[in-house]
N, C-alpha and C. Protein backbone atom coordinates (compact mmCIF):
# COMPACT_ATOMS: atom_id res chain seq x y z
N MET A 1 -13.47 111.00 0.12
CA MET A 1 -14.69 111.80 0.23
C MET A 1 -14.44 113.18 0.09
N GLY A 2 -14.87 114.02 -0.85
CA GLY A 2 -14.54 115.51 -0.91
C GLY A 2 -15.36 116.39 -0.28
N PHE A 3 -15.14 117.36 0.07
CA PHE A 3 -15.99 118.54 0.61
C PHE A 3 -16.22 119.71 -0.45
N LEU A 4 -17.49 119.97 -0.65
CA LEU A 4 -17.78 121.09 -1.47
C LEU A 4 -17.94 122.32 -0.62
N LEU A 5 -18.77 122.41 0.45
CA LEU A 5 -18.89 123.32 1.24
C LEU A 5 -18.55 122.72 2.78
N PRO A 6 -18.40 123.45 3.88
CA PRO A 6 -18.27 123.03 5.01
C PRO A 6 -19.41 122.10 5.65
N SER A 7 -20.72 122.40 5.26
CA SER A 7 -21.67 121.84 5.83
C SER A 7 -22.35 120.60 4.95
N ILE A 8 -22.11 120.59 3.63
CA ILE A 8 -22.61 119.54 2.84
C ILE A 8 -21.20 118.69 2.39
N ARG A 9 -21.73 117.58 1.85
CA ARG A 9 -20.59 116.66 1.47
C ARG A 9 -21.05 115.99 0.03
N ARG A 10 -20.27 116.16 -0.87
CA ARG A 10 -20.45 115.27 -2.20
C ARG A 10 -20.07 113.85 -1.91
N ALA A 11 -20.90 112.86 -2.04
CA ALA A 11 -20.78 111.57 -1.75
C ALA A 11 -19.82 110.87 -2.93
N TRP A 12 -18.67 110.38 -2.84
CA TRP A 12 -17.90 109.90 -3.84
C TRP A 12 -18.12 108.22 -3.67
N LYS A 13 -18.99 107.67 -4.51
CA LYS A 13 -19.03 106.24 -4.65
C LYS A 13 -19.19 105.49 -3.25
N SER A 14 -19.50 106.24 -2.27
CA SER A 14 -19.66 105.75 -1.00
C SER A 14 -21.13 105.33 -0.80
N VAL A 15 -21.42 104.12 -0.11
CA VAL A 15 -22.78 103.70 -0.06
C VAL A 15 -23.21 103.91 1.44
N GLU A 16 -22.16 104.11 2.31
CA GLU A 16 -22.39 104.42 3.79
C GLU A 16 -22.69 105.94 4.06
N VAL A 17 -23.83 106.10 4.67
CA VAL A 17 -24.20 107.57 5.00
C VAL A 17 -23.75 107.77 6.77
N PRO A 18 -23.10 108.64 6.93
CA PRO A 18 -22.55 108.88 8.32
C PRO A 18 -23.83 109.07 9.25
N LYS A 19 -23.59 108.85 10.61
CA LYS A 19 -24.84 109.19 11.42
C LYS A 19 -24.86 111.03 11.43
N GLY A 20 -26.24 111.25 11.54
CA GLY A 20 -26.48 112.71 11.45
C GLY A 20 -26.58 113.43 9.99
N TYR A 21 -26.44 112.34 8.91
CA TYR A 21 -26.61 112.97 7.49
C TYR A 21 -27.45 112.31 6.73
N LEU A 22 -28.10 112.87 5.84
CA LEU A 22 -29.14 112.16 4.79
C LEU A 22 -28.44 112.24 3.54
N ALA A 23 -28.74 111.30 2.61
CA ALA A 23 -28.37 111.28 1.31
C ALA A 23 -29.22 111.77 0.46
N VAL A 24 -29.00 112.84 -0.56
CA VAL A 24 -30.05 113.33 -1.42
C VAL A 24 -29.44 113.26 -2.91
N TYR A 25 -30.20 113.27 -3.84
CA TYR A 25 -29.90 113.47 -5.17
C TYR A 25 -30.13 114.51 -5.91
N VAL A 26 -29.36 115.34 -6.64
CA VAL A 26 -29.74 116.66 -6.99
C VAL A 26 -29.33 116.88 -8.67
N GLY A 27 -30.12 117.60 -9.28
CA GLY A 27 -29.87 117.92 -10.59
C GLY A 27 -30.16 116.72 -11.60
N GLU A 28 -30.04 117.11 -12.82
CA GLU A 28 -30.32 116.17 -14.01
C GLU A 28 -29.66 115.00 -13.85
N LYS A 29 -28.33 115.20 -13.57
CA LYS A 29 -27.28 113.92 -13.32
C LYS A 29 -27.53 113.13 -12.06
N LYS A 30 -28.43 113.72 -11.19
CA LYS A 30 -28.51 113.02 -9.98
C LYS A 30 -27.47 112.72 -9.01
N LYS A 31 -26.58 113.87 -8.74
CA LYS A 31 -25.48 113.77 -8.07
C LYS A 31 -25.85 113.72 -6.77
N ARG A 32 -25.15 112.76 -6.11
CA ARG A 32 -25.45 112.34 -4.64
C ARG A 32 -24.74 113.45 -3.59
N PHE A 33 -25.39 114.08 -2.76
CA PHE A 33 -24.80 114.93 -1.73
C PHE A 33 -25.34 114.29 -0.21
N LEU A 34 -24.48 114.57 0.58
CA LEU A 34 -24.72 114.22 2.11
C LEU A 34 -25.14 115.50 2.89
N ILE A 35 -26.29 115.74 3.39
CA ILE A 35 -26.53 116.93 4.13
C ILE A 35 -26.84 116.57 5.59
N PRO A 36 -26.57 117.56 6.50
CA PRO A 36 -26.95 117.45 7.93
C PRO A 36 -28.45 117.14 8.07
N LEU A 37 -28.90 116.43 8.88
CA LEU A 37 -30.43 116.24 9.17
C LEU A 37 -31.04 117.47 9.72
N SER A 38 -30.17 118.31 10.41
CA SER A 38 -30.56 119.75 10.74
C SER A 38 -31.25 120.59 9.83
N TYR A 39 -31.03 120.26 8.55
CA TYR A 39 -31.52 121.16 7.25
C TYR A 39 -33.06 120.83 7.07
N LEU A 40 -33.58 119.66 7.71
CA LEU A 40 -34.58 119.09 7.47
C LEU A 40 -35.80 120.04 8.15
N ASN A 41 -35.34 120.72 9.12
CA ASN A 41 -36.05 121.77 9.97
C ASN A 41 -36.26 123.28 9.33
N GLN A 42 -35.37 123.32 8.35
CA GLN A 42 -35.32 124.70 7.70
C GLN A 42 -36.22 125.02 6.78
N PRO A 43 -36.91 126.27 6.83
CA PRO A 43 -38.00 126.57 5.71
C PRO A 43 -37.40 126.49 4.43
N LEU A 44 -36.23 126.93 4.03
CA LEU A 44 -35.56 126.81 2.62
C LEU A 44 -35.67 125.37 2.22
N PHE A 45 -35.19 124.51 3.00
CA PHE A 45 -35.07 123.01 2.72
C PHE A 45 -36.49 122.45 2.49
N GLN A 46 -37.36 122.89 3.39
CA GLN A 46 -38.54 122.36 3.37
C GLN A 46 -39.35 122.89 1.92
N ASP A 47 -38.99 123.84 1.54
CA ASP A 47 -39.57 124.29 0.11
C ASP A 47 -38.97 123.40 -0.91
N LEU A 48 -37.80 122.98 -0.87
CA LEU A 48 -37.05 122.01 -1.75
C LEU A 48 -37.97 120.62 -1.57
N LEU A 49 -38.19 120.24 -0.41
CA LEU A 49 -38.93 118.79 -0.11
C LEU A 49 -40.17 118.96 -0.64
N SER A 50 -40.86 120.20 -0.65
CA SER A 50 -42.19 120.26 -1.19
C SER A 50 -42.25 120.15 -2.77
N GLN A 51 -41.27 120.86 -3.34
CA GLN A 51 -41.16 120.63 -4.75
C GLN A 51 -40.76 119.19 -5.23
N ALA A 52 -40.06 118.60 -4.28
CA ALA A 52 -39.69 117.20 -4.75
C ALA A 52 -40.85 116.33 -4.54
N GLU A 53 -42.08 116.62 -3.70
CA GLU A 53 -43.15 115.91 -3.52
C GLU A 53 -44.16 116.15 -4.55
N GLU A 54 -44.10 117.46 -5.06
CA GLU A 54 -44.89 117.83 -6.40
C GLU A 54 -44.53 117.01 -7.57
N GLU A 55 -43.20 117.10 -7.56
CA GLU A 55 -42.73 116.54 -8.95
C GLU A 55 -42.62 114.95 -9.13
N PHE A 56 -42.19 114.28 -7.85
CA PHE A 56 -41.99 112.86 -7.64
C PHE A 56 -42.90 112.08 -7.11
N GLY A 57 -43.76 112.69 -6.15
CA GLY A 57 -44.54 111.89 -5.21
C GLY A 57 -43.62 111.37 -4.20
N TYR A 58 -44.28 110.33 -3.50
CA TYR A 58 -43.71 109.71 -2.56
C TYR A 58 -42.86 108.47 -2.93
N HIS A 59 -43.12 107.92 -4.09
CA HIS A 59 -42.40 106.78 -4.73
C HIS A 59 -41.76 107.01 -5.90
N HIS A 60 -40.38 107.00 -5.75
CA HIS A 60 -39.43 107.39 -6.95
C HIS A 60 -38.54 105.97 -7.14
N PRO A 61 -38.41 105.89 -8.52
CA PRO A 61 -37.72 104.74 -8.88
C PRO A 61 -36.16 104.62 -8.44
N MET A 62 -35.61 105.78 -8.10
CA MET A 62 -34.21 105.75 -7.62
C MET A 62 -34.12 105.18 -6.08
N GLY A 63 -35.41 105.43 -5.39
CA GLY A 63 -35.31 104.81 -4.02
C GLY A 63 -34.65 105.77 -2.99
N GLY A 64 -34.12 106.86 -3.38
CA GLY A 64 -33.61 107.84 -2.63
C GLY A 64 -34.36 109.47 -2.85
N LEU A 65 -34.03 110.35 -1.93
CA LEU A 65 -34.68 111.53 -2.01
C LEU A 65 -33.95 112.26 -3.16
N THR A 66 -34.79 112.73 -3.93
CA THR A 66 -34.28 113.57 -5.17
C THR A 66 -34.96 114.92 -5.15
N ILE A 67 -33.88 115.88 -5.20
CA ILE A 67 -34.30 117.14 -5.06
C ILE A 67 -34.29 117.94 -6.67
N PRO A 68 -35.52 118.31 -7.01
CA PRO A 68 -35.53 118.87 -8.27
C PRO A 68 -35.16 120.23 -8.52
N CYS A 69 -33.99 120.39 -8.46
CA CYS A 69 -33.36 121.71 -8.83
C CYS A 69 -31.96 121.55 -9.43
N SER A 70 -31.26 122.65 -9.91
CA SER A 70 -29.96 122.48 -10.33
C SER A 70 -28.90 122.40 -9.28
N ASP A 71 -27.75 121.89 -9.49
CA ASP A 71 -26.72 121.64 -8.59
C ASP A 71 -26.36 122.95 -8.08
N ASP A 72 -26.26 124.06 -8.85
CA ASP A 72 -25.94 125.45 -8.35
C ASP A 72 -26.99 126.15 -7.39
N VAL A 73 -28.15 125.91 -7.66
CA VAL A 73 -29.21 126.24 -6.70
C VAL A 73 -29.33 125.47 -5.31
N PHE A 74 -29.07 124.21 -5.43
CA PHE A 74 -28.84 123.43 -4.39
C PHE A 74 -27.50 123.87 -3.46
N LYS A 75 -26.60 124.15 -4.25
CA LYS A 75 -25.48 124.52 -3.28
C LYS A 75 -25.51 125.84 -2.88
N HIS A 76 -26.14 126.89 -3.50
CA HIS A 76 -26.64 128.16 -2.95
C HIS A 76 -27.33 127.95 -1.68
N ILE A 77 -28.35 127.18 -1.73
CA ILE A 77 -29.41 127.12 -0.72
C ILE A 77 -28.64 126.42 0.79
N THR A 78 -27.77 125.33 0.34
CA THR A 78 -27.16 124.83 1.31
C THR A 78 -26.05 125.81 2.06
N HIS A 79 -25.43 126.67 1.15
CA HIS A 79 -24.56 127.58 1.66
C HIS A 79 -25.27 128.65 2.62
N CYS A 80 -26.59 128.99 2.14
CA CYS A 80 -27.27 129.81 3.23
C CYS A 80 -27.73 129.31 4.38
N LEU A 81 -28.01 127.91 4.31
CA LEU A 81 -28.44 127.23 5.53
C LEU A 81 -27.07 126.93 6.54
N SER A 82 -25.97 126.89 5.84
CA SER A 82 -24.67 126.65 6.74
C SER A 82 -24.34 127.77 7.48
N GLY A 83 -24.76 129.12 7.09
CA GLY A 83 -24.59 130.30 7.79
C GLY A 83 -25.47 130.40 9.00
N GLN A 84 -26.61 129.78 9.13
CA GLN A 84 -27.55 129.90 10.06
C GLN A 84 -27.21 129.34 11.55
């Protein structure tokens, strides 16, 4: 499993999600990232969740949480959150 940033992980063909993390899919290619659960309480991340709700609703065919933004935007937001 490779690390992109200290606080997020890009999941490499792994089905298992470690305790304390959540798998999300990002970008057009639906890359899978593991984020700390603590991000769910952050206003920046809650904005992403609201966008996901508006775009996909609560039922999505992938079965996972999909974030409707580019990889670069997602990485920038998680980088900002990792500094808090």
